[in-house]
Every structure is written in C-alpha cells, then in structure tokens.
C-alpha atoms as a PDB file:
ATOM      1  CA  UNK A   1      16.152  -9.779  -5.126  1.00  0.00           C
ATOM      2  CA  UNK A   2      19.346  -7.956  -4.396  1.00  0.00           C
ATOM      3  CA  UNK A   3      21.281  -7.801  -1.100  1.00  0.00           C
ATOM      4  CA  UNK A   4      19.234  -5.043   0.535  1.00  0.00           C
ATOM      5  CA  UNK A   5      15.481  -5.011   0.682  1.00  0.00           C
ATOM      6  CA  UNK A   6      12.668  -3.431   2.595  1.00  0.00           C
ATOM      7  CA  UNK A   7       8.853  -3.321   2.244  1.00  0.00           C
ATOM      8  CA  UNK A   8       7.542   0.158   1.316  1.00  0.00           C
ATOM      9  CA  UNK A   9       5.466   0.411   4.596  1.00  0.00           C
ATOM     10  CA  UNK A  10       8.532  -0.370   6.586  1.00  0.00           C
ATOM     11  CA  UNK A  11      10.483   2.194   4.489  1.00  0.00           C
ATOM     12  CA  UNK A  12       7.892   4.853   5.471  1.00  0.00           C
ATOM     13  CA  UNK A  13       8.395   3.881   9.085  1.00  0.00           C
ATOM     14  CA  UNK A  14      12.252   3.798   8.765  1.00  0.00           C
ATOM     15  CA  UNK A  15      12.333   7.412   7.756  1.00  0.00           C
ATOM     16  CA  UNK A  16      10.889   8.634  11.011  1.00  0.00           C
ATOM     17  CA  UNK A  17      12.218   5.949  13.373  1.00  0.00           C
ATOM     18  CA  UNK A  18      14.880   6.314  16.021  1.00  0.00           C
ATOM     19  CA  UNK A  19      18.280   4.594  15.594  1.00  0.00           C
ATOM     20  CA  UNK A  20      17.003   1.703  17.671  1.00  0.00           C
ATOM     21  CA  UNK A  21      13.768   1.606  15.737  1.00  0.00           C
ATOM     22  CA  UNK A  22      15.645   1.627  12.440  1.00  0.00           C
ATOM     23  CA  UNK A  23      17.763  -1.287  13.664  1.00  0.00           C
ATOM     24  CA  UNK A  24      14.579  -3.139  14.674  1.00  0.00           C
ATOM     25  CA  UNK A  25      13.005  -2.685  11.292  1.00  0.00           C
ATOM     26  CA  UNK A  26      16.066  -3.878   9.398  1.00  0.00           C
ATOM     27  CA  UNK A  27      16.364  -7.054  11.530  1.00  0.00           C
ATOM     28  CA  UNK A  28      12.740  -7.816  10.803  1.00  0.00           C
ATOM     29  CA  UNK A  29      13.388  -7.349   7.113  1.00  0.00           C
ATOM     30  CA  UNK A  30      16.441  -9.627   7.241  1.00  0.00           C
ATOM     31  CA  UNK A  31      14.800 -12.321   9.329  1.00  0.00           C
ATOM     32  CA  UNK A  32      10.955 -12.109   8.854  1.00  0.00           C
ATOM     33  CA  UNK A  33       8.766 -13.966  11.224  1.00  0.00           C
ATOM     34  CA  UNK A  34       7.494 -16.923   9.087  1.00  0.00           C
ATOM     35  CA  UNK A  35       4.489 -17.468  11.322  1.00  0.00           C
ATOM     36  CA  UNK A  36       3.519 -13.752  11.633  1.00  0.00           C
ATOM     37  CA  UNK A  37      -0.268 -13.333  12.067  1.00  0.00           C
ATOM     38  CA  UNK A  38      -1.832 -11.223   9.330  1.00  0.00           C
ATOM     39  CA  UNK A  39      -4.667  -8.937  10.757  1.00  0.00           C
ATOM     40  CA  UNK A  40      -7.798  -7.673   9.197  1.00  0.00           C
ATOM     41  CA  UNK A  41      -7.694  -9.962   6.169  1.00  0.00           C
ATOM     42  CA  UNK A  42     -11.439 -10.245   5.840  1.00  0.00           C
ATOM     43  CA  UNK A  43     -11.851  -6.443   6.086  1.00  0.00           C
ATOM     44  CA  UNK A  44      -8.931  -5.802   3.597  1.00  0.00           C
ATOM     45  CA  UNK A  45     -10.602  -8.343   1.144  1.00  0.00           C
ATOM     46  CA  UNK A  46     -13.966  -6.666   1.320  1.00  0.00           C
ATOM     47  CA  UNK A  47     -12.313  -3.180   0.699  1.00  0.00           C
ATOM     48  CA  UNK A  48     -10.404  -4.459  -2.308  1.00  0.00           C
ATOM     49  CA  UNK A  49     -13.431  -6.086  -3.874  1.00  0.00           C
ATOM     50  CA  UNK A  50     -15.407  -2.946  -3.241  1.00  0.00           C
ATOM     51  CA  UNK A  51     -12.706  -0.829  -4.963  1.00  0.00           C
ATOM     52  CA  UNK A  52     -12.715  -3.083  -8.024  1.00  0.00           C
ATOM     53  CA  UNK A  53     -16.439  -2.624  -8.262  1.00  0.00           C
ATOM     54  CA  UNK A  54     -16.509   1.224  -8.129  1.00  0.00           C
ATOM     55  CA  UNK A  55     -16.852   1.416  -4.350  1.00  0.00           C
ATOM     56  CA  UNK A  56     -19.784  -1.041  -4.150  1.00  0.00           C
ATOM     57  CA  UNK A  57     -21.243  -0.810  -0.713  1.00  0.00           C
ATOM     58  CA  UNK A  58     -22.689  -4.411  -0.769  1.00  0.00           C
ATOM     59  CA  UNK A  59     -19.103  -5.908  -0.753  1.00  0.00           C
ATOM     60  CA  UNK A  60     -18.494  -4.085   2.598  1.00  0.00           C
ATOM     61  CA  UNK A  61     -21.954  -4.901   4.015  1.00  0.00           C
ATOM     62  CA  UNK A  62     -21.376  -8.557   3.299  1.00  0.00           C
ATOM     63  CA  UNK A  63     -18.279  -8.507   5.378  1.00  0.00           C
ATOM     64  CA  UNK A  64     -19.840  -6.467   8.109  1.00  0.00           C
ATOM     65  CA  UNK A  65     -22.619  -9.086   8.331  1.00  0.00           C
ATOM     66  CA  UNK A  66     -20.099 -11.935   8.566  1.00  0.00           C
ATOM     67  CA  UNK A  67     -18.150 -10.078  11.296  1.00  0.00           C
ATOM     68  CA  UNK A  68     -21.360  -9.367  13.274  1.00  0.00           C
ATOM     69  CA  UNK A  69     -22.099 -13.123  13.427  1.00  0.00           C
ATOM     70  CA  UNK A  70     -18.696 -13.955  14.803  1.00  0.00           C
ATOM     71  CA  UNK A  71     -18.249 -14.174  18.562  1.00  0.00           C
ATOM     72  CA  UNK A  72     -14.522 -14.875  19.009  1.00  0.00           C
ATOM     73  CA  UNK A  73     -13.263 -15.786  22.425  1.00  0.00           C
ATOM     74  CA  UNK A  74      -9.528 -14.953  22.093  1.00  0.00           C
ATOM     75  CA  UNK A  75      -8.734 -11.311  22.750  1.00  0.00           C
ATOM     76  CA  UNK A  76      -6.576 -11.007  19.586  1.00  0.00           C
ATOM     77  CA  UNK A  77      -9.581 -12.118  17.495  1.00  0.00           C
ATOM     78  CA  UNK A  78     -11.943  -9.893  19.369  1.00  0.00           C
ATOM     79  CA  UNK A  79      -9.672  -6.905  18.649  1.00  0.00           C
ATOM     80  CA  UNK A  80      -9.371  -7.952  15.014  1.00  0.00           C
ATOM     81  CA  UNK A  81     -13.115  -8.065  14.706  1.00  0.00           C
ATOM     82  CA  UNK A  82     -13.787  -4.757  16.345  1.00  0.00           C
ATOM     83  CA  UNK A  83     -11.004  -2.836  14.296  1.00  0.00           C
ATOM     84  CA  UNK A  84     -12.074  -4.547  11.136  1.00  0.00           C
ATOM     85  CA  UNK A  85     -15.647  -3.406  11.534  1.00  0.00           C
ATOM     86  CA  UNK A  86     -14.544   0.152  12.374  1.00  0.00           C
ATOM     87  CA  UNK A  87     -12.237   0.100   9.331  1.00  0.00           C
ATOM     88  CA  UNK A  88     -15.070  -1.020   6.986  1.00  0.00           C
ATOM     89  CA  UNK A  89     -17.352   1.724   8.308  1.00  0.00           C
ATOM     90  CA  UNK A  90     -14.619   4.365   7.839  1.00  0.00           C
ATOM     91  CA  UNK A  91     -14.151   3.045   4.238  1.00  0.00           C
ATOM     92  CA  UNK A  92     -17.849   3.503   3.556  1.00  0.00           C
ATOM     93  CA  UNK A  93     -17.558   7.135   4.650  1.00  0.00           C
ATOM     94  CA  UNK A  94     -14.701   7.942   2.226  1.00  0.00           C
ATOM     95  CA  UNK A  95     -15.377   9.565  -1.068  1.00  0.00           C
ATOM     96  CA  UNK A  96     -14.101   7.182  -3.949  1.00  0.00           C
ATOM     97  CA  UNK A  97     -11.536   8.920  -6.222  1.00  0.00           C
ATOM     98  CA  UNK A  98     -12.957   9.588  -9.725  1.00  0.00           C
ATOM     99  CA  UNK A  99     -10.057   7.646 -11.129  1.00  0.00           C
ATOM    100  CA  UNK A 100     -11.618   4.424  -9.781  1.00  0.00           C
ATOM    101  CA  UNK A 101     -14.927   5.179 -11.317  1.00  0.00           C
ATOM    102  CA  UNK A 102     -13.633   5.756 -14.951  1.00  0.00           C
ATOM    103  CA  UNK A 103     -15.468   3.860 -17.625  1.00  0.00           C
ATOM    104  CA  UNK A 104     -13.535   1.137 -19.055  1.00  0.00           C
ATOM    105  CA  UNK A 105     -11.299   0.728 -15.964  1.00  0.00           C
ATOM    106  CA  UNK A 106      -9.503  -2.622 -15.973  1.00  0.00           C
ATOM    107  CA  UNK A 107      -7.844  -4.163 -12.910  1.00  0.00           C
ATOM    108  CA  UNK A 108      -4.610  -6.054 -13.963  1.00  0.00           C
ATOM    109  CA  UNK A 109      -3.514  -9.394 -12.517  1.00  0.00           C
ATOM    110  CA  UNK A 110      -0.841  -8.617  -9.874  1.00  0.00           C
ATOM    111  CA  UNK A 111       0.804 -11.923 -10.304  1.00  0.00           C
ATOM    112  CA  UNK A 112       1.937 -10.956 -13.788  1.00  0.00           C
ATOM    113  CA  UNK A 113       4.412  -8.482 -12.338  1.00  0.00           C
ATOM    114  CA  UNK A 114       7.166  -8.625  -9.776  1.00  0.00           C
ATOM    115  CA  UNK A 115       6.398  -7.085  -6.424  1.00  0.00           C
ATOM    116  CA  UNK A 116       9.521  -4.911  -6.040  1.00  0.00           C
ATOM    117  CA  UNK A 117      11.693  -2.303  -7.784  1.00  0.00           C
ATOM    118  CA  UNK A 118      15.308  -1.254  -7.062  1.00  0.00           C
ATOM    119  CA  UNK A 119      15.863   2.344  -5.963  1.00  0.00           C
ATOM    120  CA  UNK A 120      19.403   3.621  -4.943  1.00  0.00           C
ATOM    121  CA  UNK A 121      20.621  -0.013  -4.677  1.00  0.00           C
ATOM    122  CA  UNK A 122      17.763  -1.098  -2.388  1.00  0.00           C
ATOM    123  CA  UNK A 123      14.907  -3.380  -3.461  1.00  0.00           C
ATOM    124  CA  UNK A 124      11.630  -1.735  -2.339  1.00  0.00           C
ATOM    125  CA  UNK A 125       8.857  -4.222  -2.048  1.00  0.00           C
ATOM    126  CA  UNK A 126       5.894  -2.207  -3.167  1.00  0.00           C
ATOM    127  CA  UNK A 127       3.305  -4.983  -3.920  1.00  0.00           C
ATOM    128  CA  UNK A 128       0.410  -2.768  -4.632  1.00  0.00           C
ATOM    129  CA  UNK A 129      -2.929  -4.193  -3.712  1.00  0.00           C
ATOM    130  CA  UNK A 130      -4.429  -2.991  -6.979  1.00  0.00           C
ATOM    131  CA  UNK A 131      -3.036  -2.164 -10.312  1.00  0.00           C
ATOM    132  CA  UNK A 132      -5.477  -0.660 -12.820  1.00  0.00           C
ATOM    133  CA  UNK A 133      -5.618   0.930 -16.354  1.00  0.00           C
ATOM    134  CA  UNK A 134      -7.951   2.975 -18.408  1.00  0.00           C
ATOM    135  CA  UNK A 135      -7.715   5.004 -21.555  1.00  0.00           C
ATOM    136  CA  UNK A 136      -8.103   8.792 -21.229  1.00  0.00           C
ATOM    137  CA  UNK A 137      -7.412  11.230 -24.056  1.00  0.00           C
ATOM    138  CA  UNK A 138      -6.167   8.448 -26.261  1.00  0.00           C
ATOM    139  CA  UNK A 139      -3.564   7.405 -23.730  1.00  0.00           C
ATOM    140  CA  UNK A 140      -3.630   4.175 -21.824  1.00  0.00           C
ATOM    141  CA  UNK A 141      -2.722   5.170 -18.231  1.00  0.00           C
ATOM    142  CA  UNK A 142      -1.804   2.802 -15.570  1.00  0.00           C
ATOM    143  CA  UNK A 143      -1.991   3.505 -11.742  1.00  0.00           C
ATOM    144  CA  UNK A 144      -1.983   1.628  -8.574  1.00  0.00           C
ATOM    145  CA  UNK A 145      -3.216   1.604  -4.973  1.00  0.00           C
ATOM    146  CA  UNK A 146      -1.837   0.289  -1.677  1.00  0.00           C
ATOM    147  CA  UNK A 147      -4.138  -0.264   1.278  1.00  0.00           C
ATOM    148  CA  UNK A 148      -3.036   0.225   4.864  1.00  0.00           C
ATOM    149  CA  UNK A 149      -5.249  -0.772   7.853  1.00  0.00           C
ATOM    150  CA  UNK A 150      -3.641  -0.176  11.316  1.00  0.00           C
ATOM    151  CA  UNK A 151      -5.414   1.746  14.032  1.00  0.00           C
ATOM    152  CA  UNK A 152      -2.320   1.938  16.129  1.00  0.00           C
ATOM    153  CA  UNK A 153       0.196   2.765  13.371  1.00  0.00           C
ATOM    154  CA  UNK A 154      -1.616   4.931  10.951  1.00  0.00           C
ATOM    155  CA  UNK A 155       0.651   6.691   8.465  1.00  0.00           C
ATOM    156  CA  UNK A 156       0.878  10.463   8.401  1.00  0.00           C
ATOM    157  CA  UNK A 157       0.466  12.559   5.146  1.00  0.00           C
ATOM    158  CA  UNK A 158       4.210  12.636   4.485  1.00  0.00           C
ATOM    159  CA  UNK A 159       4.494   8.840   4.863  1.00  0.00           C
ATOM    160  CA  UNK A 160       1.495   8.327   2.638  1.00  0.00           C
ATOM    161  CA  UNK A 161       3.054  10.605  -0.054  1.00  0.00           C
ATOM    162  CA  UNK A 162       6.221   8.443   0.147  1.00  0.00           C
ATOM    163  CA  UNK A 163       4.275   5.342  -0.451  1.00  0.00           C
ATOM    164  CA  UNK A 164       2.295   6.921  -3.360  1.00  0.00           C
ATOM    165  CA  UNK A 165       5.713   7.837  -4.889  1.00  0.00           C
ATOM    166  CA  UNK A 166       6.788   4.337  -4.425  1.00  0.00           C
ATOM    167  CA  UNK A 167       3.883   3.071  -6.275  1.00  0.00           C
ATOM    168  CA  UNK A 168       4.443   5.471  -9.153  1.00  0.00           C
ATOM    169  CA  UNK A 169       8.161   4.417  -9.407  1.00  0.00           C
ATOM    170  CA  UNK A 170       7.083   0.710  -9.343  1.00  0.00           C
ATOM    171  CA  UNK A 171       4.509   1.194 -12.126  1.00  0.00           C
ATOM    172  CA  UNK A 172       6.884   3.219 -14.259  1.00  0.00           C
ATOM    173  CA  UNK A 173       9.759   0.705 -13.909  1.00  0.00           C
ATOM    174  CA  UNK A 174       8.016  -2.611 -13.562  1.00  0.00           C
ATOM    175  CA  UNK A 175       4.584  -2.561 -15.101  1.00  0.00           C
ATOM    176  CA  UNK A 176       4.379  -0.415 -18.174  1.00  0.00           C
ATOM    177  CA  UNK A 177       4.370  -1.996 -21.563  1.00  0.00           C
ATOM    178  CA  UNK A 178       4.280  -0.568 -25.114  1.00  0.00           C
ATOM    179  CA  UNK A 179       2.693   2.782 -25.268  1.00  0.00           C
ATOM    180  CA  UNK A 180       1.184   2.690 -21.651  1.00  0.00           C
ATOM    181  CA  UNK A 181       2.107   5.628 -19.547  1.00  0.00           C
ATOM    182  CA  UNK A 182       2.141   6.162 -15.635  1.00  0.00           C
ATOM    183  CA  UNK A 183       0.529   9.099 -14.015  1.00  0.00           C
ATOM    184  CA  UNK A 184       1.574  10.071 -10.356  1.00  0.00           C
ATOM    185  CA  UNK A 185      -1.967  11.262  -9.615  1.00  0.00           C
ATOM    186  CA  UNK A 186      -3.258   7.708 -10.398  1.00  0.00           C
ATOM    187  CA  UNK A 187      -0.930   6.252  -7.797  1.00  0.00           C
ATOM    188  CA  UNK A 188      -2.879   6.237  -4.395  1.00  0.00           C
ATOM    189  CA  UNK A 189      -2.057   5.405  -0.817  1.00  0.00           C
ATOM    190  CA  UNK A 190      -5.144   4.432   1.044  1.00  0.00           C
ATOM    191  CA  UNK A 191      -4.732   4.522   4.809  1.00  0.00           C
ATOM    192  CA  UNK A 192      -8.099   3.820   6.485  1.00  0.00           C
ATOM    193  CA  UNK A 193      -7.080   5.238   9.923  1.00  0.00           C
ATOM    194  CA  UNK A 194      -4.790   7.912   8.401  1.00  0.00           C
ATOM    195  CA  UNK A 195      -5.412  10.381   5.712  1.00  0.00           C
ATOM    196  CA  UNK A 196      -7.693   8.286   3.529  1.00  0.00           C
ATOM    197  CA  UNK A 197      -6.792   8.545  -0.129  1.00  0.00           C
ATOM    198  CA  UNK A 198      -3.468  10.355  -0.696  1.00  0.00           C
ATOM    199  CA  UNK A 199      -1.901  10.961  -4.201  1.00  0.00           C
ATOM    200  CA  UNK A 200       1.031  12.891  -5.431  1.00  0.00           C
ATOM    201  CA  UNK A 201       1.679  15.406  -8.142  1.00  0.00           C
ATOM    202  CA  UNK A 202       4.353  15.128 -10.961  1.00  0.00           C
ATOM    203  CA  UNK A 203       6.710  17.236  -8.868  1.00  0.00           C
ATOM    204  CA  UNK A 204       6.472  14.711  -6.021  1.00  0.00           C
ATOM    205  CA  UNK A 205       6.835  11.582  -8.116  1.00  0.00           C
ATOM    206  CA  UNK A 206      10.465  10.969  -6.981  1.00  0.00           C
ATOM    207  CA  UNK A 207       9.879  11.604  -3.337  1.00  0.00           C
ATOM    208  CA  UNK A 208      10.944   8.029  -2.470  1.00  0.00           C
ATOM    209  CA  UNK A 209      14.312   8.386  -4.160  1.00  0.00           C
ATOM    210  CA  UNK A 210      15.329  11.916  -3.229  1.00  0.00           C
ATOM    211  CA  UNK A 211      16.881  11.408   0.266  1.00  0.00           C
ATOM    212  CA  UNK A 212      19.988   9.237  -0.486  1.00  0.00           C
ATOM    213  CA  UNK A 213      20.850   9.253   3.176  1.00  0.00           C
ATOM    214  CA  UNK A 214      17.926   6.923   3.995  1.00  0.00           C
ATOM    215  CA  UNK A 215      19.268   4.354   1.587  1.00  0.00           C
ATOM    216  CA  UNK A 216      22.852   4.611   3.006  1.00  0.00           C
ATOM    217  CA  UNK A 217      21.399   3.929   6.516  1.00  0.00           C
ATOM    218  CA  UNK A 218      19.487   1.007   5.351  1.00  0.00           C
ATOM    219  CA  UNK A 219      22.649  -0.548   3.809  1.00  0.00           C
ATOM    220  CA  UNK A 220      24.851   0.412   6.814  1.00  0.00           C
ATOM    221  CA  UNK A 221      22.341  -1.097   9.415  1.00  0.00           C
ATOM    222  CA  UNK A 222      21.814  -4.139   7.102  1.00  0.00           C
ATOM    223  CA  UNK A 223      25.547  -4.927   6.923  1.00  0.00           C
ATOM    224  CA  UNK A 224      25.904  -4.511  10.687  1.00  0.00           C
ATOM    225  CA  UNK A 225      22.846  -6.635  11.730  1.00  0.00           C
END
C-alpha cells in the first residue's frame, strides 16, 4: 500500500461530501475503527451465494428462514434483522444480469489477487465481492461485482457508475492474465437500496480517474489530518 488510500465506497462518498465530510472520511481511512461492527453479513452472504448459483432463490430463502427464527433483544440487532430481510426480498425482485447466467461462468478466488489498485497516486481499495470469467466469442472475459447494502446511505446512479468504473480499472490492472480481457459492461455495482445493478460502457470506463481534483483533495486532506 502507498501513502494515500481510500476504499472505493468512501471514494464515491468523498466526491459528493462537504469539506467537513471529506475530512471525516479521510480521518476514518487513516485511523480505521478496529472494532467496527459489520452489518447485514448474513444477508450479504446469502446474496453472494445466490449470485454464484445463477440467482438461486433457495440461497435467499434459507437466510430469510434463519432471520425469521431470530428474536434479537438489542435494538441494533433488531434493525440489522429487519433491514437484512428487506434487502433479501428486494434482491429477489431484481432481474439477474445475463452475464451472471452465462454457460461456463467461473467465479475466481478473490484471495489470489490484491484488493486495491493505484490511480493518480492513491490506492483505491476496490475489493470486489465477486470476480468471474467466461468465454464468449473465443475471448476469455473477466468481470466483477461489488455489493452494497445500506438503507440509509444508498448510492445514487453516478456513484454506482464510479464504483463500476473502479471495478473495471481493478480488473484490467490487477486481475487479467495471459489473453484474458476486461469488459466494462461486465463490471457491476449492485446497490440493493439504490439503483440495483449498474454497469458502464466503454466510454465510461475511466470515470474513476478523470477528475484529478478529487485525488489532489484526498492527498491534501490526508497530509493535513
């Protein structure tokens, strides 16, 4: 990792944040909370398993059954349960992209790759939830997907496009081997409470790197924090 780093989700937030909001984001990146609670892990796990099985509904129903049985007392856990169940039902209502139903699609082991790529001197931690490949027209194409579940902080369409662009740049720079190729339309941002599945076109593949001012701001605030 280099001197400057930011997760892709926080990068998407940073672009639209106030000055104080940007300062808060960078402070969190420099000094992450080591005991930060991760929300909706059961729901996210079910969604990822479903995606790897062509959108299999049984993966989601199993998690819904498990959450239905739970009767948490703590308010945080009650909220986690309710939002998780809503997220799972929303996922079931989404139409699975054709890419994820291609015959012969293979999901790659994420631990075989680093989780970040450097853009304009800043390490962008992309960490896709899924990296997959399939052969189409004689080409082995590689794509990726990042899942976001947050009812209170859903991303707008522009933010999801930025994330999809980041996935494409990550795949192109850090994942491809041999004759493999990346396709921006195979790079998906999935926001359950936002715009669902969002992908980009070839002309939008460099969205994450176009605005050099954002990177200058990250470095300026990082150095001052």
